[in-house]
Amino acid sequence: MNIAIDIASWVLLTLGGVNLLIGGIGVLRMPDFYTRMHAASLTDSMGAILVILGIMLQAGLSLATVKLGAILAFLLLTSPTAANALAVSALLAGMKPRTGDAVQRTNHEADA
């Protein structure tokens, strides 16, 4: 049983790390603020869930698991809220999202 828990834990930790790495690459590669923010907020939430669940499996039934659960709940409440607040403040500051026409025009200008 210990081996199965260790394998499940390491799978969750690896998937969480890969998810966070993909999010970091997405932040570097995306063309504008809103797509970067989208990549960061989605992968941040999912990566945190996977990593903390993997650590919870490693910790077993203990006080540390309860604390990790509280941290996970806090992250699940604050991360999407922070992303929403950031998007709303960017809109209020006048930062316009790119539309399909702007993306196509930019891609054609890059090809020329």
N, C-alpha and C. Protein backbone atom coordinates (compact mmCIF):
# COMPACT_ATOMS: atom_id res chain seq x y z
N MET A 1 0.82 -1.20 0.00
CA MET A 1 0.00 0.00 0.00
C MET A 1 0.86 1.26 0.00
N ASN A 2 1.99 1.21 0.71
CA ASN A 2 2.89 2.36 0.76
C ASN A 2 3.43 2.72 -0.62
N ILE A 3 3.74 1.70 -1.40
CA ILE A 3 4.26 1.93 -2.75
C ILE A 3 3.21 2.61 -3.62
N ALA A 4 1.96 2.19 -3.52
CA ALA A 4 0.89 2.78 -4.32
C ALA A 4 0.68 4.25 -3.96
N ILE A 5 0.75 4.56 -2.66
CA ILE A 5 0.60 5.96 -2.24
C ILE A 5 1.77 6.79 -2.73
N ASP A 6 2.98 6.23 -2.65
CA ASP A 6 4.15 6.95 -3.15
C ASP A 6 4.06 7.20 -4.65
N ILE A 7 3.63 6.20 -5.40
CA ILE A 7 3.50 6.37 -6.86
C ILE A 7 2.44 7.41 -7.18
N ALA A 8 1.28 7.32 -6.51
CA ALA A 8 0.22 8.31 -6.76
C ALA A 8 0.69 9.71 -6.39
N SER A 9 1.42 9.81 -5.30
CA SER A 9 1.93 11.12 -4.87
C SER A 9 2.90 11.69 -5.89
N TRP A 10 3.83 10.89 -6.35
CA TRP A 10 4.81 11.38 -7.31
C TRP A 10 4.18 11.69 -8.66
N VAL A 11 3.15 10.94 -9.03
CA VAL A 11 2.44 11.26 -10.27
C VAL A 11 1.77 12.63 -10.14
N LEU A 12 1.11 12.88 -9.00
CA LEU A 12 0.47 14.18 -8.79
C LEU A 12 1.50 15.31 -8.76
N LEU A 13 2.61 15.08 -8.07
CA LEU A 13 3.65 16.11 -8.00
C LEU A 13 4.24 16.39 -9.38
N THR A 14 4.47 15.35 -10.16
CA THR A 14 5.04 15.53 -11.50
C THR A 14 4.05 16.24 -12.41
N LEU A 15 2.78 15.83 -12.38
CA LEU A 15 1.77 16.50 -13.21
C LEU A 15 1.62 17.97 -12.81
N GLY A 16 1.65 18.23 -11.51
CA GLY A 16 1.57 19.61 -11.04
C GLY A 16 2.76 20.44 -11.50
N GLY A 17 3.95 19.87 -11.42
CA GLY A 17 5.14 20.58 -11.88
C GLY A 17 5.12 20.84 -13.37
N VAL A 18 4.69 19.84 -14.14
CA VAL A 18 4.58 20.02 -15.60
C VAL A 18 3.54 21.08 -15.93
N ASN A 19 2.43 21.05 -15.21
CA ASN A 19 1.38 22.04 -15.42
C ASN A 19 1.90 23.46 -15.15
N LEU A 20 2.63 23.62 -14.07
CA LEU A 20 3.18 24.94 -13.76
C LEU A 20 4.24 25.36 -14.77
N LEU A 21 5.04 24.41 -15.26
CA LEU A 21 6.02 24.72 -16.29
C LEU A 21 5.34 25.17 -17.58
N ILE A 22 4.30 24.47 -17.97
CA ILE A 22 3.55 24.86 -19.17
C ILE A 22 2.94 26.24 -19.00
N GLY A 23 2.44 26.54 -17.80
CA GLY A 23 1.91 27.87 -17.53
C GLY A 23 2.97 28.95 -17.64
N GLY A 24 4.16 28.67 -17.14
CA GLY A 24 5.25 29.63 -17.27
C GLY A 24 5.64 29.87 -18.73
N ILE A 25 5.67 28.81 -19.51
CA ILE A 25 5.96 28.95 -20.94
C ILE A 25 4.84 29.72 -21.62
N GLY A 26 3.60 29.44 -21.22
CA GLY A 26 2.45 30.15 -21.79
C GLY A 26 2.50 31.64 -21.51
N VAL A 27 2.95 32.01 -20.32
CA VAL A 27 3.07 33.43 -19.98
C VAL A 27 4.12 34.09 -20.86
N LEU A 28 5.18 33.39 -21.16
CA LEU A 28 6.23 33.96 -22.02
C LEU A 28 5.80 34.03 -23.48
N ARG A 29 5.00 33.07 -23.94
CA ARG A 29 4.69 32.96 -25.36
C ARG A 29 3.42 33.67 -25.81
N MET A 30 2.51 33.94 -24.91
CA MET A 30 1.24 34.54 -25.31
C MET A 30 1.42 35.99 -25.73
N PRO A 31 0.57 36.46 -26.67
CA PRO A 31 0.82 37.76 -27.29
C PRO A 31 0.40 38.99 -26.49
N ASP A 32 -0.62 38.88 -25.64
CA ASP A 32 -1.08 40.08 -24.95
C ASP A 32 -1.37 39.80 -23.48
N PHE A 33 -1.73 40.84 -22.77
CA PHE A 33 -1.93 40.77 -21.33
C PHE A 33 -2.99 39.77 -20.93
N TYR A 34 -4.12 39.78 -21.57
CA TYR A 34 -5.24 38.95 -21.16
C TYR A 34 -4.97 37.46 -21.39
N THR A 35 -4.35 37.11 -22.48
CA THR A 35 -4.02 35.71 -22.71
C THR A 35 -2.92 35.24 -21.76
N ARG A 36 -1.98 36.11 -21.44
CA ARG A 36 -0.95 35.77 -20.46
C ARG A 36 -1.57 35.55 -19.08
N MET A 37 -2.48 36.44 -18.72
CA MET A 37 -3.13 36.32 -17.43
C MET A 37 -3.96 35.03 -17.37
N HIS A 38 -4.61 34.69 -18.48
CA HIS A 38 -5.42 33.48 -18.54
C HIS A 38 -4.54 32.25 -18.35
N ALA A 39 -3.41 32.22 -19.06
CA ALA A 39 -2.49 31.08 -18.93
C ALA A 39 -1.96 30.96 -17.51
N ALA A 40 -1.61 32.07 -16.92
CA ALA A 40 -1.06 32.04 -15.56
C ALA A 40 -2.10 31.63 -14.53
N SER A 41 -3.30 32.14 -14.64
CA SER A 41 -4.30 31.86 -13.60
C SER A 41 -4.80 30.42 -13.67
N LEU A 42 -4.99 29.89 -14.86
CA LEU A 42 -5.47 28.51 -14.97
C LEU A 42 -4.43 27.51 -14.49
N THR A 43 -3.22 27.67 -14.96
CA THR A 43 -2.20 26.70 -14.60
C THR A 43 -1.77 26.86 -13.15
N ASP A 44 -1.87 28.07 -12.61
CA ASP A 44 -1.55 28.29 -11.21
C ASP A 44 -2.52 27.52 -10.32
N SER A 45 -3.79 27.60 -10.63
CA SER A 45 -4.79 26.90 -9.82
C SER A 45 -4.64 25.39 -9.93
N MET A 46 -4.56 24.88 -11.14
CA MET A 46 -4.48 23.43 -11.33
C MET A 46 -3.15 22.88 -10.83
N GLY A 47 -2.07 23.60 -11.08
CA GLY A 47 -0.77 23.15 -10.59
C GLY A 47 -0.72 23.10 -9.08
N ALA A 48 -1.29 24.11 -8.43
CA ALA A 48 -1.31 24.14 -6.97
C ALA A 48 -2.14 22.99 -6.42
N ILE A 49 -3.27 22.70 -7.04
CA ILE A 49 -4.11 21.58 -6.59
C ILE A 49 -3.32 20.28 -6.66
N LEU A 50 -2.69 20.03 -7.79
CA LEU A 50 -1.98 18.77 -7.97
C LEU A 50 -0.79 18.64 -7.02
N VAL A 51 -0.01 19.70 -6.89
CA VAL A 51 1.17 19.65 -6.02
C VAL A 51 0.75 19.47 -4.56
N ILE A 52 -0.23 20.22 -4.11
CA ILE A 52 -0.64 20.11 -2.70
C ILE A 52 -1.28 18.75 -2.43
N LEU A 53 -2.05 18.22 -3.37
CA LEU A 53 -2.60 16.87 -3.18
C LEU A 53 -1.49 15.83 -3.10
N GLY A 54 -0.46 15.98 -3.92
CA GLY A 54 0.68 15.07 -3.85
C GLY A 54 1.39 15.16 -2.51
N ILE A 55 1.57 16.36 -2.00
CA ILE A 55 2.20 16.53 -0.69
C ILE A 55 1.30 15.97 0.42
N MET A 56 -0.01 16.14 0.27
CA MET A 56 -0.94 15.60 1.27
C MET A 56 -0.85 14.07 1.33
N LEU A 57 -0.70 13.44 0.17
CA LEU A 57 -0.54 11.98 0.17
C LEU A 57 0.76 11.58 0.88
N GLN A 58 1.81 12.34 0.67
CA GLN A 58 3.08 12.04 1.33
C GLN A 58 2.99 12.25 2.83
N ALA A 59 2.22 13.23 3.27
CA ALA A 59 2.12 13.54 4.70
C ALA A 59 1.27 12.53 5.46
N GLY A 60 0.37 11.84 4.77
CA GLY A 60 -0.50 10.90 5.46
C GLY A 60 -1.56 11.61 6.28
N LEU A 61 -2.17 10.89 7.20
CA LEU A 61 -3.19 11.48 8.07
C LEU A 61 -2.50 12.14 9.26
N SER A 62 -2.35 13.45 9.17
CA SER A 62 -1.68 14.17 10.24
C SER A 62 -2.18 15.61 10.27
N LEU A 63 -1.67 16.36 11.20
CA LEU A 63 -2.01 17.77 11.29
C LEU A 63 -1.51 18.53 10.07
N ALA A 64 -0.38 18.09 9.51
CA ALA A 64 0.17 18.73 8.31
C ALA A 64 -0.82 18.62 7.14
N THR A 65 -1.53 17.50 7.05
CA THR A 65 -2.51 17.31 5.98
C THR A 65 -3.67 18.28 6.14
N VAL A 66 -4.09 18.51 7.36
CA VAL A 66 -5.18 19.46 7.62
C VAL A 66 -4.73 20.88 7.24
N LYS A 67 -3.49 21.21 7.60
CA LYS A 67 -2.97 22.53 7.25
C LYS A 67 -2.84 22.69 5.74
N LEU A 68 -2.38 21.64 5.05
CA LEU A 68 -2.29 21.69 3.59
C LEU A 68 -3.67 21.83 2.96
N GLY A 69 -4.66 21.18 3.54
CA GLY A 69 -6.03 21.33 3.06
C GLY A 69 -6.53 22.76 3.21
N ALA A 70 -6.18 23.40 4.33
CA ALA A 70 -6.58 24.79 4.54
C ALA A 70 -5.87 25.70 3.54
N ILE A 71 -4.60 25.43 3.28
CA ILE A 71 -3.86 26.22 2.29
C ILE A 71 -4.47 26.04 0.91
N LEU A 72 -4.84 24.80 0.57
CA LEU A 72 -5.46 24.53 -0.73
C LEU A 72 -6.79 25.27 -0.87
N ALA A 73 -7.61 25.24 0.18
CA ALA A 73 -8.88 25.97 0.13
C ALA A 73 -8.64 27.47 -0.04
N PHE A 74 -7.66 28.00 0.67
CA PHE A 74 -7.33 29.42 0.54
C PHE A 74 -6.89 29.75 -0.89
N LEU A 75 -6.03 28.92 -1.47
CA LEU A 75 -5.58 29.16 -2.83
C LEU A 75 -6.72 29.07 -3.85
N LEU A 76 -7.61 28.12 -3.63
CA LEU A 76 -8.73 27.97 -4.56
C LEU A 76 -9.71 29.13 -4.48
N LEU A 77 -9.76 29.80 -3.35
CA LEU A 77 -10.62 30.98 -3.23
C LEU A 77 -9.94 32.25 -3.75
N THR A 78 -8.66 32.39 -3.48
CA THR A 78 -8.00 33.66 -3.78
C THR A 78 -7.43 33.75 -5.19
N SER A 79 -6.97 32.65 -5.76
CA SER A 79 -6.34 32.71 -7.08
C SER A 79 -7.32 33.16 -8.18
N PRO A 80 -8.50 32.55 -8.30
CA PRO A 80 -9.44 33.03 -9.32
C PRO A 80 -9.95 34.45 -9.02
N THR A 81 -10.10 34.77 -7.74
CA THR A 81 -10.56 36.11 -7.37
C THR A 81 -9.52 37.16 -7.76
N ALA A 82 -8.25 36.85 -7.53
CA ALA A 82 -7.18 37.77 -7.90
C ALA A 82 -7.10 37.95 -9.41
N ALA A 83 -7.26 36.85 -10.16
CA ALA A 83 -7.23 36.94 -11.62
C ALA A 83 -8.39 37.79 -12.14
N ASN A 84 -9.56 37.60 -11.55
CA ASN A 84 -10.72 38.40 -11.96
C ASN A 84 -10.49 39.88 -11.63
N ALA A 85 -9.99 40.17 -10.44
CA ALA A 85 -9.74 41.56 -10.07
C ALA A 85 -8.70 42.20 -10.98
N LEU A 86 -7.69 41.44 -11.37
CA LEU A 86 -6.67 41.95 -12.27
C LEU A 86 -7.25 42.25 -13.65
N ALA A 87 -8.10 41.37 -14.16
CA ALA A 87 -8.71 41.59 -15.46
C ALA A 87 -9.65 42.79 -15.43
N VAL A 88 -10.44 42.92 -14.39
CA VAL A 88 -11.36 44.05 -14.28
C VAL A 88 -10.59 45.36 -14.17
N SER A 89 -9.53 45.37 -13.38
CA SER A 89 -8.76 46.62 -13.25
C SER A 89 -8.06 46.98 -14.55
N ALA A 90 -7.63 45.99 -15.32
CA ALA A 90 -7.02 46.27 -16.62
C ALA A 90 -8.07 46.86 -17.58
N LEU A 91 -9.27 46.31 -17.55
CA LEU A 91 -10.34 46.85 -18.40
C LEU A 91 -10.69 48.28 -17.99
N LEU A 92 -10.78 48.53 -16.69
CA LEU A 92 -11.09 49.88 -16.21
C LEU A 92 -9.97 50.87 -16.53
N ALA A 93 -8.75 50.39 -16.62
CA ALA A 93 -7.62 51.26 -16.95
C ALA A 93 -7.54 51.54 -18.44
N GLY A 94 -8.41 50.88 -19.23
CA GLY A 94 -8.45 51.17 -20.65
C GLY A 94 -7.69 50.18 -21.51
N MET A 95 -7.19 49.11 -20.95
CA MET A 95 -6.47 48.11 -21.73
C MET A 95 -7.48 47.24 -22.46
N LYS A 96 -7.48 47.32 -23.78
CA LYS A 96 -8.46 46.61 -24.59
C LYS A 96 -7.95 45.20 -24.92
N PRO A 97 -8.84 44.21 -24.85
CA PRO A 97 -8.45 42.87 -25.28
C PRO A 97 -8.30 42.83 -26.80
N ARG A 98 -7.42 41.98 -27.28
CA ARG A 98 -7.26 41.82 -28.73
C ARG A 98 -8.46 41.05 -29.27
N THR A 99 -8.91 41.46 -30.45
CA THR A 99 -10.01 40.75 -31.10
C THR A 99 -9.45 39.85 -32.19
N GLY A 100 -10.31 39.06 -32.79
CA GLY A 100 -9.88 38.15 -33.85
C GLY A 100 -9.26 38.89 -35.02
N ASP A 101 -9.81 40.08 -35.39
CA ASP A 101 -9.27 40.84 -36.51
C ASP A 101 -7.86 41.32 -36.21
N ALA A 102 -7.62 41.78 -34.99
CA ALA A 102 -6.29 42.27 -34.63
C ALA A 102 -5.28 41.13 -34.63
N VAL A 103 -5.70 39.95 -34.20
CA VAL A 103 -4.80 38.81 -34.17
C VAL A 103 -4.45 38.38 -35.58
N GLN A 104 -5.46 38.32 -36.47
CA GLN A 104 -5.19 37.94 -37.85
C GLN A 104 -4.30 38.96 -38.54
N ARG A 105 -4.57 40.26 -38.33
CA ARG A 105 -3.77 41.29 -38.95
C ARG A 105 -2.32 41.22 -38.46
N THR A 106 -2.12 41.00 -37.18
CA THR A 106 -0.78 40.90 -36.64
C THR A 106 -0.05 39.70 -37.19
N ASN A 107 -0.74 38.58 -37.32
CA ASN A 107 -0.10 37.37 -37.86
C ASN A 107 0.28 37.58 -39.32
N HIS A 108 -0.56 38.28 -40.10
CA HIS A 108 -0.23 38.52 -41.51
C HIS A 108 0.91 39.53 -41.62
N GLU A 109 0.95 40.51 -40.73
CA GLU A 109 2.04 41.47 -40.76
C GLU A 109 3.35 40.80 -40.39
N ALA A 110 3.32 39.81 -39.50
CA ALA A 110 4.54 39.11 -39.12
C ALA A 110 5.05 38.25 -40.26
N ASP A 111 4.13 37.71 -41.08
CA ASP A 111 4.54 36.87 -42.20
C ASP A 111 5.18 37.68 -43.32
N ALA A 112 4.80 38.96 -43.44
CA ALA A 112 5.31 39.79 -44.56
C ALA A 112 6.72 40.27 -44.32
